[in-house]
């Protein structure tokens, strides 16, 4: 399985469509991180770029994100990528928490491209990959 995280300075970028890179974690069947890659973000806003197709082609099945609008959410889910919104902090720690079953989707998205939803954190809960 591969997990992608919109990243800026090794932290979850608060806005999916404007991140610097996507950190992609390759995970084995026992939930151990085997490889970490960085994929440069396209210049266009996330939902208007082809990033969802690129991530799908890379084998990404999960996106751990800060905030994103419904357009980006729909584009990613239509490519078969499960999205968990409301994440913040170090990308490695968030990914480890996800693999330990501590992350659930916040259910909250951006109302507009100007809203960044300060104070959101991943919701901790049960996840069964």
Foldseek 3Di string as FASTA:
>chain_A
DKEWAQDDPQKRDLENFDGQWIWIFDADPLRDTDDIDTGGHDPGGQLPDCVLVVCVVVVAAEYEHEAYDPSNVVSNVVSNHHYAYQAIDGPVVVSVQVSVQFFHHPPDHDPDPVDRPPPGHGHTDGDDD
